[in-house]
């Protein structure tokens, strides 16, 4: 055997796929770190610039406030409560209204969306009315709901429902219409009734469409509850915003907005976790 043959390196092909997977995982971790650090730096830069501009009075600190005062206001609410009671009570009051409105709006949107997506006659009859209702600015309905249901939670739940219903409805409707016709035909050949086709084929196929709308719709539910509280309420974050605005407390307005943003982000995280658990079979977009 020649020396050249002996000196030729031997490549172990069995180790190549694990090495490639390891390098991709390492690259994904590095990217997550870069993204996280970039987000933190961007937030720090924006807050720092805001603080400097307000302290040097380049922007009016009375109207724009500043991050340090906003934090002081949040800390005061945490430690000493608000004029309406403890901060936790106000958060739960608003969250409870938003959750109820979200659940009712999601259930109604899914039921009507699937029904109209499956029954063409029903879609033809109700379609124009759905379009007319969707064209109405839903925020302007909040004062009407306060007149109908009073200052209690019912008016805020109603405001949240009308904001949540339409995005969920249209996604469920589109998901029902986009079901693979071959799957439906095969189910019918096997003797499945319309009810079984809907429950075992259409709804599972439309689930990804429905989950897409859930991320946006919970934010709409919070908006509905806040707008209702702002117009008239006895408790809640929206009432805190109204009271802060009435006393020209810009820091209080921004502090309430920060609290709402944190609540919305936590809800978004829970929905994302649930979606990943349900759709574990789907490839992650970050892997591409």
C-alpha atoms as a PDB file:
ATOM      1  CA  UNK A   1       0.000   0.000   0.000  1.00  0.00           C
ATOM      2  CA  UNK A   2       1.424   3.392  -1.005  1.00  0.00           C
ATOM      3  CA  UNK A   3       2.239   6.114   1.554  1.00  0.00           C
ATOM      4  CA  UNK A   4      -0.217   8.452  -0.198  1.00  0.00           C
ATOM      5  CA  UNK A   5      -3.069   6.085   0.536  1.00  0.00           C
ATOM      6  CA  UNK A   6      -1.999   5.730   4.154  1.00  0.00           C
ATOM      7  CA  UNK A   7      -1.825   9.504   4.625  1.00  0.00           C
ATOM      8  CA  UNK A   8      -5.311  10.184   3.165  1.00  0.00           C
ATOM      9  CA  UNK A   9      -7.617  11.375   5.981  1.00  0.00           C
ATOM     10  CA  UNK A  10     -10.684   9.301   6.640  1.00  0.00           C
ATOM     11  CA  UNK A  11     -13.952  11.217   7.112  1.00  0.00           C
ATOM     12  CA  UNK A  12     -16.356   9.726   9.598  1.00  0.00           C
ATOM     13  CA  UNK A  13     -19.679  10.444   7.897  1.00  0.00           C
ATOM     14  CA  UNK A  14     -21.587   9.130  10.894  1.00  0.00           C
ATOM     15  CA  UNK A  15     -20.528  12.187  12.928  1.00  0.00           C
ATOM     16  CA  UNK A  16     -21.448  14.780  10.322  1.00  0.00           C
ATOM     17  CA  UNK A  17     -25.218  15.073  10.973  1.00  0.00           C
ATOM     18  CA  UNK A  18     -24.802  15.480  14.773  1.00  0.00           C
ATOM     19  CA  UNK A  19     -22.072  18.079  14.210  1.00  0.00           C
ATOM     20  CA  UNK A  20     -24.313  19.965  11.806  1.00  0.00           C
ATOM     21  CA  UNK A  21     -27.232  19.868  14.243  1.00  0.00           C
ATOM     22  CA  UNK A  22     -24.957  21.019  17.058  1.00  0.00           C
ATOM     23  CA  UNK A  23     -23.656  23.953  15.022  1.00  0.00           C
ATOM     24  CA  UNK A  24     -27.188  24.968  14.049  1.00  0.00           C
ATOM     25  CA  UNK A  25     -28.303  24.837  17.680  1.00  0.00           C
ATOM     26  CA  UNK A  26     -25.295  26.918  18.702  1.00  0.00           C
ATOM     27  CA  UNK A  27     -26.069  29.466  15.961  1.00  0.00           C
ATOM     28  CA  UNK A  28     -29.708  29.615  17.110  1.00  0.00           C
ATOM     29  CA  UNK A  29     -28.606  30.250  20.712  1.00  0.00           C
ATOM     30  CA  UNK A  30     -26.253  33.005  19.588  1.00  0.00           C
ATOM     31  CA  UNK A  31     -29.038  34.611  17.573  1.00  0.00           C
ATOM     32  CA  UNK A  32     -31.428  34.515  20.554  1.00  0.00           C
ATOM     33  CA  UNK A  33     -28.779  36.155  22.721  1.00  0.00           C
ATOM     34  CA  UNK A  34     -28.136  38.862  20.119  1.00  0.00           C
ATOM     35  CA  UNK A  35     -31.858  39.544  19.731  1.00  0.00           C
ATOM     36  CA  UNK A  36     -32.416  39.711  23.504  1.00  0.00           C
ATOM     37  CA  UNK A  37     -29.442  42.006  24.097  1.00  0.00           C
ATOM     38  CA  UNK A  38     -30.488  44.237  21.186  1.00  0.00           C
ATOM     39  CA  UNK A  39     -34.002  44.549  22.587  1.00  0.00           C
ATOM     40  CA  UNK A  40     -32.717  45.476  26.029  1.00  0.00           C
ATOM     41  CA  UNK A  41     -30.262  48.014  24.627  1.00  0.00           C
ATOM     42  CA  UNK A  42     -32.973  49.587  22.463  1.00  0.00           C
ATOM     43  CA  UNK A  43     -35.302  49.909  25.457  1.00  0.00           C
ATOM     44  CA  UNK A  44     -32.545  51.392  27.629  1.00  0.00           C
ATOM     45  CA  UNK A  45     -31.602  53.845  24.869  1.00  0.00           C
ATOM     46  CA  UNK A  46     -35.200  55.018  24.383  1.00  0.00           C
ATOM     47  CA  UNK A  47     -35.847  55.410  28.121  1.00  0.00           C
ATOM     48  CA  UNK A  48     -32.489  57.110  28.658  1.00  0.00           C
ATOM     49  CA  UNK A  49     -33.096  59.560  25.818  1.00  0.00           C
ATOM     50  CA  UNK A  50     -36.586  60.281  27.112  1.00  0.00           C
ATOM     51  CA  UNK A  51     -35.226  60.946  30.630  1.00  0.00           C
ATOM     52  CA  UNK A  52     -32.471  63.250  29.353  1.00  0.00           C
ATOM     53  CA  UNK A  53     -34.784  65.222  27.066  1.00  0.00           C
ATOM     54  CA  UNK A  54     -37.319  65.688  29.867  1.00  0.00           C
ATOM     55  CA  UNK A  55     -34.749  66.700  32.484  1.00  0.00           C
ATOM     56  CA  UNK A  56     -33.125  69.220  30.129  1.00  0.00           C
ATOM     57  CA  UNK A  57     -36.647  70.445  29.207  1.00  0.00           C
ATOM     58  CA  UNK A  58     -36.136  69.821  25.508  1.00  0.00           C
ATOM     59  CA  UNK A  59     -39.576  68.239  25.835  1.00  0.00           C
ATOM     60  CA  UNK A  60     -42.097  69.467  28.371  1.00  0.00           C
ATOM     61  CA  UNK A  61     -41.774  67.244  31.481  1.00  0.00           C
ATOM     62  CA  UNK A  62     -45.263  68.289  32.609  1.00  0.00           C
ATOM     63  CA  UNK A  63     -46.919  66.814  29.519  1.00  0.00           C
ATOM     64  CA  UNK A  64     -44.457  64.026  28.649  1.00  0.00           C
ATOM     65  CA  UNK A  65     -43.343  63.167  32.201  1.00  0.00           C
ATOM     66  CA  UNK A  66     -40.170  61.026  32.427  1.00  0.00           C
ATOM     67  CA  UNK A  67     -39.337  57.348  33.085  1.00  0.00           C
ATOM     68  CA  UNK A  68     -38.127  57.999  36.650  1.00  0.00           C
ATOM     69  CA  UNK A  69     -41.427  59.674  37.613  1.00  0.00           C
ATOM     70  CA  UNK A  70     -43.401  56.913  35.938  1.00  0.00           C
ATOM     71  CA  UNK A  71     -41.507  54.316  37.968  1.00  0.00           C
ATOM     72  CA  UNK A  72     -42.092  56.355  41.142  1.00  0.00           C
ATOM     73  CA  UNK A  73     -45.815  56.396  40.380  1.00  0.00           C
ATOM     74  CA  UNK A  74     -45.902  52.622  39.838  1.00  0.00           C
ATOM     75  CA  UNK A  75     -43.953  52.039  43.050  1.00  0.00           C
ATOM     76  CA  UNK A  76     -46.311  54.332  44.977  1.00  0.00           C
ATOM     77  CA  UNK A  77     -49.300  52.385  43.673  1.00  0.00           C
ATOM     78  CA  UNK A  78     -47.619  49.093  44.594  1.00  0.00           C
ATOM     79  CA  UNK A  79     -46.635  50.109  48.122  1.00  0.00           C
ATOM     80  CA  UNK A  80     -49.443  52.496  49.116  1.00  0.00           C
ATOM     81  CA  UNK A  81     -52.253  51.570  46.758  1.00  0.00           C
ATOM     82  CA  UNK A  82     -54.363  53.875  44.637  1.00  0.00           C
ATOM     83  CA  UNK A  83     -57.281  56.155  45.449  1.00  0.00           C
ATOM     84  CA  UNK A  84     -59.551  53.314  44.299  1.00  0.00           C
ATOM     85  CA  UNK A  85     -57.905  50.605  46.391  1.00  0.00           C
ATOM     86  CA  UNK A  86     -54.896  48.344  45.953  1.00  0.00           C
ATOM     87  CA  UNK A  87     -53.179  48.179  42.571  1.00  0.00           C
ATOM     88  CA  UNK A  88     -53.672  44.413  42.404  1.00  0.00           C
ATOM     89  CA  UNK A  89     -57.416  44.895  42.808  1.00  0.00           C
ATOM     90  CA  UNK A  90     -57.521  47.347  39.895  1.00  0.00           C
ATOM     91  CA  UNK A  91     -55.470  45.025  37.678  1.00  0.00           C
ATOM     92  CA  UNK A  92     -57.650  42.034  38.506  1.00  0.00           C
ATOM     93  CA  UNK A  93     -60.849  44.022  37.921  1.00  0.00           C
ATOM     94  CA  UNK A  94     -59.727  45.016  34.421  1.00  0.00           C
ATOM     95  CA  UNK A  95     -58.238  41.589  33.691  1.00  0.00           C
ATOM     96  CA  UNK A  96     -61.415  39.848  34.812  1.00  0.00           C
ATOM     97  CA  UNK A  97     -63.523  41.974  32.446  1.00  0.00           C
ATOM     98  CA  UNK A  98     -61.090  41.449  29.583  1.00  0.00           C
ATOM     99  CA  UNK A  99     -60.936  37.680  30.143  1.00  0.00           C
ATOM    100  CA  UNK A 100     -64.717  37.321  30.203  1.00  0.00           C
ATOM    101  CA  UNK A 101     -65.082  39.436  27.077  1.00  0.00           C
ATOM    102  CA  UNK A 102     -62.288  37.502  25.383  1.00  0.00           C
ATOM    103  CA  UNK A 103     -63.802  34.104  26.166  1.00  0.00           C
ATOM    104  CA  UNK A 104     -67.303  35.100  25.045  1.00  0.00           C
ATOM    105  CA  UNK A 105     -65.977  36.820  21.924  1.00  0.00           C
ATOM    106  CA  UNK A 106     -63.756  33.868  20.982  1.00  0.00           C
ATOM    107  CA  UNK A 107     -66.524  31.300  21.472  1.00  0.00           C
ATOM    108  CA  UNK A 108     -69.020  33.368  19.477  1.00  0.00           C
ATOM    109  CA  UNK A 109     -66.477  34.101  16.744  1.00  0.00           C
ATOM    110  CA  UNK A 110     -65.475  30.450  16.371  1.00  0.00           C
ATOM    111  CA  UNK A 111     -69.061  29.155  16.356  1.00  0.00           C
ATOM    112  CA  UNK A 112     -70.335  31.699  13.840  1.00  0.00           C
ATOM    113  CA  UNK A 113     -67.168  31.527  11.750  1.00  0.00           C
ATOM    114  CA  UNK A 114     -67.270  27.743  11.421  1.00  0.00           C
ATOM    115  CA  UNK A 115     -71.041  27.752  10.851  1.00  0.00           C
ATOM    116  CA  UNK A 116     -70.919  30.344   8.075  1.00  0.00           C
ATOM    117  CA  UNK A 117     -67.840  28.719   6.610  1.00  0.00           C
ATOM    118  CA  UNK A 118     -69.613  25.374   6.397  1.00  0.00           C
ATOM    119  CA  UNK A 119     -73.139  26.491   5.431  1.00  0.00           C
ATOM    120  CA  UNK A 120     -73.079  28.514   2.222  1.00  0.00           C
ATOM    121  CA  UNK A 121     -76.734  29.576   2.469  1.00  0.00           C
ATOM    122  CA  UNK A 122     -76.188  30.958   5.962  1.00  0.00           C
ATOM    123  CA  UNK A 123     -73.117  32.864   4.777  1.00  0.00           C
ATOM    124  CA  UNK A 124     -75.048  34.351   1.848  1.00  0.00           C
ATOM    125  CA  UNK A 125     -77.886  35.505   4.110  1.00  0.00           C
ATOM    126  CA  UNK A 126     -75.821  36.889   7.021  1.00  0.00           C
ATOM    127  CA  UNK A 127     -72.771  38.046   5.030  1.00  0.00           C
ATOM    128  CA  UNK A 128     -74.009  41.597   4.298  1.00  0.00           C
ATOM    129  CA  UNK A 129     -75.038  42.127   7.929  1.00  0.00           C
ATOM    130  CA  UNK A 130     -71.653  40.945   9.179  1.00  0.00           C
ATOM    131  CA  UNK A 131     -69.940  43.412   6.831  1.00  0.00           C
ATOM    132  CA  UNK A 132     -72.139  46.293   7.993  1.00  0.00           C
ATOM    133  CA  UNK A 133     -71.505  45.510  11.675  1.00  0.00           C
ATOM    134  CA  UNK A 134     -67.785  45.181  11.015  1.00  0.00           C
ATOM    135  CA  UNK A 135     -67.729  48.635   9.398  1.00  0.00           C
ATOM    136  CA  UNK A 136     -69.055  50.282  12.571  1.00  0.00           C
ATOM    137  CA  UNK A 137     -66.260  51.669  14.804  1.00  0.00           C
ATOM    138  CA  UNK A 138     -66.677  49.387  17.816  1.00  0.00           C
ATOM    139  CA  UNK A 139     -65.154  51.875  20.254  1.00  0.00           C
ATOM    140  CA  UNK A 140     -68.141  54.219  19.815  1.00  0.00           C
ATOM    141  CA  UNK A 141     -70.391  51.435  21.117  1.00  0.00           C
ATOM    142  CA  UNK A 142     -68.800  51.646  24.569  1.00  0.00           C
ATOM    143  CA  UNK A 143     -70.930  54.640  25.711  1.00  0.00           C
ATOM    144  CA  UNK A 144     -74.045  52.817  24.504  1.00  0.00           C
ATOM    145  CA  UNK A 145     -73.106  49.749  26.537  1.00  0.00           C
ATOM    146  CA  UNK A 146     -72.601  51.938  29.617  1.00  0.00           C
ATOM    147  CA  UNK A 147     -76.135  53.303  29.118  1.00  0.00           C
ATOM    148  CA  UNK A 148     -77.540  49.798  28.629  1.00  0.00           C
ATOM    149  CA  UNK A 149     -75.652  47.883  31.326  1.00  0.00           C
ATOM    150  CA  UNK A 150     -74.525  50.592  33.761  1.00  0.00           C
ATOM    151  CA  UNK A 151     -71.116  51.243  35.304  1.00  0.00           C
ATOM    152  CA  UNK A 152     -70.536  47.634  36.373  1.00  0.00           C
ATOM    153  CA  UNK A 153     -68.454  44.963  34.626  1.00  0.00           C
ATOM    154  CA  UNK A 154     -71.196  44.012  32.122  1.00  0.00           C
ATOM    155  CA  UNK A 155     -70.686  47.105  29.953  1.00  0.00           C
ATOM    156  CA  UNK A 156     -66.908  46.508  29.803  1.00  0.00           C
ATOM    157  CA  UNK A 157     -67.381  42.835  28.967  1.00  0.00           C
ATOM    158  CA  UNK A 158     -69.738  43.818  26.139  1.00  0.00           C
ATOM    159  CA  UNK A 159     -67.160  46.282  24.774  1.00  0.00           C
ATOM    160  CA  UNK A 160     -64.505  43.564  24.865  1.00  0.00           C
ATOM    161  CA  UNK A 161     -66.799  41.037  23.144  1.00  0.00           C
ATOM    162  CA  UNK A 162     -67.521  43.223  20.115  1.00  0.00           C
ATOM    163  CA  UNK A 163     -63.804  43.954  19.673  1.00  0.00           C
ATOM    164  CA  UNK A 164     -62.802  40.285  19.960  1.00  0.00           C
ATOM    165  CA  UNK A 165     -65.610  38.747  17.902  1.00  0.00           C
ATOM    166  CA  UNK A 166     -64.749  39.991  14.420  1.00  0.00           C
ATOM    167  CA  UNK A 167     -61.048  39.048  14.103  1.00  0.00           C
ATOM    168  CA  UNK A 168     -61.811  35.587  15.499  1.00  0.00           C
ATOM    169  CA  UNK A 169     -64.873  35.217  13.281  1.00  0.00           C
ATOM    170  CA  UNK A 170     -63.070  36.080  10.050  1.00  0.00           C
ATOM    171  CA  UNK A 171     -60.137  33.775  10.840  1.00  0.00           C
ATOM    172  CA  UNK A 172     -62.441  30.885  11.766  1.00  0.00           C
ATOM    173  CA  UNK A 173     -64.522  31.528   8.651  1.00  0.00           C
ATOM    174  CA  UNK A 174     -61.447  31.554   6.422  1.00  0.00           C
ATOM    175  CA  UNK A 175     -60.046  28.463   8.147  1.00  0.00           C
ATOM    176  CA  UNK A 176     -63.275  26.573   7.513  1.00  0.00           C
ATOM    177  CA  UNK A 177     -63.228  27.613   3.870  1.00  0.00           C
ATOM    178  CA  UNK A 178     -59.567  26.617   3.419  1.00  0.00           C
ATOM    179  CA  UNK A 179     -60.012  23.003   4.574  1.00  0.00           C
ATOM    180  CA  UNK A 180     -58.600  20.475   2.121  1.00  0.00           C
ATOM    181  CA  UNK A 181     -61.578  19.291   0.068  1.00  0.00           C
ATOM    182  CA  UNK A 182     -59.977  15.891  -0.392  1.00  0.00           C
ATOM    183  CA  UNK A 183     -60.053  15.324   3.373  1.00  0.00           C
ATOM    184  CA  UNK A 184     -63.743  16.231   3.481  1.00  0.00           C
ATOM    185  CA  UNK A 185     -64.502  13.997   0.502  1.00  0.00           C
ATOM    186  CA  UNK A 186     -62.614  11.065   2.024  1.00  0.00           C
ATOM    187  CA  UNK A 187     -64.442  11.500   5.329  1.00  0.00           C
ATOM    188  CA  UNK A 188     -67.773  11.447   3.520  1.00  0.00           C
ATOM    189  CA  UNK A 189     -66.778   8.324   1.576  1.00  0.00           C
ATOM    190  CA  UNK A 190     -66.054   6.636   4.898  1.00  0.00           C
ATOM    191  CA  UNK A 191     -69.582   7.481   6.014  1.00  0.00           C
ATOM    192  CA  UNK A 192     -68.947  10.520   8.242  1.00  0.00           C
ATOM    193  CA  UNK A 193     -71.957  12.749   8.878  1.00  0.00           C
ATOM    194  CA  UNK A 194     -71.845  16.546   8.508  1.00  0.00           C
ATOM    195  CA  UNK A 195     -71.462  16.850  12.282  1.00  0.00           C
ATOM    196  CA  UNK A 196     -68.482  14.475  12.398  1.00  0.00           C
ATOM    197  CA  UNK A 197     -66.872  16.146   9.385  1.00  0.00           C
ATOM    198  CA  UNK A 198     -67.161  19.509  11.136  1.00  0.00           C
ATOM    199  CA  UNK A 199     -65.865  18.253  14.493  1.00  0.00           C
ATOM    200  CA  UNK A 200     -63.128  15.907  13.260  1.00  0.00           C
ATOM    201  CA  UNK A 201     -61.951  17.525  10.023  1.00  0.00           C
ATOM    202  CA  UNK A 202     -62.963  21.172   9.701  1.00  0.00           C
ATOM    203  CA  UNK A 203     -62.335  22.425  13.249  1.00  0.00           C
ATOM    204  CA  UNK A 204     -58.900  20.730  13.632  1.00  0.00           C
ATOM    205  CA  UNK A 205     -57.867  22.109  10.239  1.00  0.00           C
ATOM    206  CA  UNK A 206     -59.016  25.625  11.200  1.00  0.00           C
ATOM    207  CA  UNK A 207     -57.307  25.566  14.607  1.00  0.00           C
ATOM    208  CA  UNK A 208     -54.117  27.233  13.377  1.00  0.00           C
ATOM    209  CA  UNK A 209     -56.187  30.031  11.819  1.00  0.00           C
ATOM    210  CA  UNK A 210     -58.106  30.485  15.060  1.00  0.00           C
ATOM    211  CA  UNK A 211     -54.944  30.583  17.184  1.00  0.00           C
ATOM    212  CA  UNK A 212     -53.542  33.303  14.933  1.00  0.00           C
ATOM    213  CA  UNK A 213     -56.484  35.523  15.850  1.00  0.00           C
ATOM    214  CA  UNK A 214     -56.209  34.758  19.579  1.00  0.00           C
ATOM    215  CA  UNK A 215     -52.902  36.616  19.868  1.00  0.00           C
ATOM    216  CA  UNK A 216     -54.438  39.831  18.556  1.00  0.00           C
ATOM    217  CA  UNK A 217     -57.875  39.424  20.095  1.00  0.00           C
ATOM    218  CA  UNK A 218     -56.749  39.432  23.735  1.00  0.00           C
ATOM    219  CA  UNK A 219     -55.180  42.844  23.201  1.00  0.00           C
ATOM    220  CA  UNK A 220     -58.522  43.961  21.760  1.00  0.00           C
ATOM    221  CA  UNK A 221     -60.272  42.602  24.855  1.00  0.00           C
ATOM    222  CA  UNK A 222     -58.030  44.715  27.076  1.00  0.00           C
ATOM    223  CA  UNK A 223     -58.729  47.764  24.914  1.00  0.00           C
ATOM    224  CA  UNK A 224     -62.470  47.181  25.196  1.00  0.00           C
ATOM    225  CA  UNK A 225     -62.314  46.875  28.982  1.00  0.00           C
ATOM    226  CA  UNK A 226     -60.099  49.948  29.330  1.00  0.00           C
ATOM    227  CA  UNK A 227     -62.258  52.120  27.067  1.00  0.00           C
ATOM    228  CA  UNK A 228     -65.365  51.073  28.979  1.00  0.00           C
ATOM    229  CA  UNK A 229     -63.703  51.905  32.311  1.00  0.00           C
ATOM    230  CA  UNK A 230     -62.440  55.209  30.950  1.00  0.00           C
ATOM    231  CA  UNK A 231     -65.977  56.251  29.992  1.00  0.00           C
ATOM    232  CA  UNK A 232     -67.532  55.174  33.271  1.00  0.00           C
ATOM    233  CA  UNK A 233     -66.586  52.694  35.994  1.00  0.00           C
ATOM    234  CA  UNK A 234     -66.114  52.242  39.714  1.00  0.00           C
ATOM    235  CA  UNK A 235     -62.755  50.418  39.534  1.00  0.00           C
ATOM    236  CA  UNK A 236     -60.082  49.378  37.080  1.00  0.00           C
ATOM    237  CA  UNK A 237     -56.977  50.544  35.252  1.00  0.00           C
ATOM    238  CA  UNK A 238     -59.079  52.550  32.789  1.00  0.00           C
ATOM    239  CA  UNK A 239     -60.510  54.574  35.654  1.00  0.00           C
ATOM    240  CA  UNK A 240     -56.963  55.169  36.922  1.00  0.00           C
ATOM    241  CA  UNK A 241     -56.113  56.580  33.491  1.00  0.00           C
ATOM    242  CA  UNK A 242     -59.178  58.836  33.567  1.00  0.00           C
ATOM    243  CA  UNK A 243     -58.406  60.080  37.080  1.00  0.00           C
ATOM    244  CA  UNK A 244     -54.736  60.704  36.239  1.00  0.00           C
ATOM    245  CA  UNK A 245     -55.736  62.633  33.149  1.00  0.00           C
ATOM    246  CA  UNK A 246     -58.290  64.637  35.129  1.00  0.00           C
ATOM    247  CA  UNK A 247     -55.603  65.701  37.627  1.00  0.00           C
ATOM    248  CA  UNK A 248     -53.003  66.372  34.891  1.00  0.00           C
ATOM    249  CA  UNK A 249     -50.861  63.539  36.212  1.00  0.00           C
ATOM    250  CA  UNK A 250     -49.009  62.468  33.069  1.00  0.00           C
ATOM    251  CA  UNK A 251     -46.877  60.008  35.041  1.00  0.00           C
ATOM    252  CA  UNK A 252     -50.042  58.231  36.210  1.00  0.00           C
ATOM    253  CA  UNK A 253     -51.336  57.897  32.646  1.00  0.00           C
ATOM    254  CA  UNK A 254     -48.043  56.423  31.445  1.00  0.00           C
ATOM    255  CA  UNK A 255     -47.778  54.190  34.532  1.00  0.00           C
ATOM    256  CA  UNK A 256     -51.197  52.682  33.790  1.00  0.00           C
ATOM    257  CA  UNK A 257     -50.125  52.113  30.177  1.00  0.00           C
ATOM    258  CA  UNK A 258     -46.971  50.322  31.340  1.00  0.00           C
ATOM    259  CA  UNK A 259     -49.007  48.061  33.625  1.00  0.00           C
ATOM    260  CA  UNK A 260     -51.360  47.211  30.767  1.00  0.00           C
ATOM    261  CA  UNK A 261     -48.408  46.469  28.479  1.00  0.00           C
ATOM    262  CA  UNK A 262     -46.962  44.044  31.040  1.00  0.00           C
ATOM    263  CA  UNK A 263     -50.322  42.278  31.401  1.00  0.00           C
ATOM    264  CA  UNK A 264     -50.687  42.014  27.618  1.00  0.00           C
ATOM    265  CA  UNK A 265     -47.154  40.635  27.224  1.00  0.00           C
ATOM    266  CA  UNK A 266     -47.753  38.001  29.911  1.00  0.00           C
ATOM    267  CA  UNK A 267     -50.985  36.949  28.195  1.00  0.00           C
ATOM    268  CA  UNK A 268     -49.191  36.793  24.850  1.00  0.00           C
ATOM    269  CA  UNK A 269     -46.514  34.591  26.406  1.00  0.00           C
ATOM    270  CA  UNK A 270     -49.123  32.184  27.776  1.00  0.00           C
ATOM    271  CA  UNK A 271     -50.885  31.979  24.405  1.00  0.00           C
ATOM    272  CA  UNK A 272     -47.589  31.361  22.616  1.00  0.00           C
ATOM    273  CA  UNK A 273     -46.703  28.594  25.086  1.00  0.00           C
ATOM    274  CA  UNK A 274     -50.123  26.964  24.611  1.00  0.00           C
ATOM    275  CA  UNK A 275     -49.823  27.208  20.830  1.00  0.00           C
ATOM    276  CA  UNK A 276     -46.395  25.564  20.841  1.00  0.00           C
ATOM    277  CA  UNK A 277     -47.691  22.751  23.041  1.00  0.00           C
ATOM    278  CA  UNK A 278     -50.672  22.139  20.760  1.00  0.00           C
ATOM    279  CA  UNK A 279     -48.767  22.499  17.469  1.00  0.00           C
ATOM    280  CA  UNK A 280     -45.578  20.669  18.436  1.00  0.00           C
ATOM    281  CA  UNK A 281     -45.673  18.911  15.062  1.00  0.00           C
ATOM    282  CA  UNK A 282     -45.201  22.190  13.187  1.00  0.00           C
ATOM    283  CA  UNK A 283     -41.605  23.142  12.287  1.00  0.00           C
ATOM    284  CA  UNK A 284     -40.292  26.227  14.029  1.00  0.00           C
ATOM    285  CA  UNK A 285     -39.770  29.255  11.842  1.00  0.00           C
ATOM    286  CA  UNK A 286     -36.468  30.015  13.524  1.00  0.00           C
ATOM    287  CA  UNK A 287     -34.999  26.773  12.310  1.00  0.00           C
ATOM    288  CA  UNK A 288     -35.050  27.820   8.691  1.00  0.00           C
END
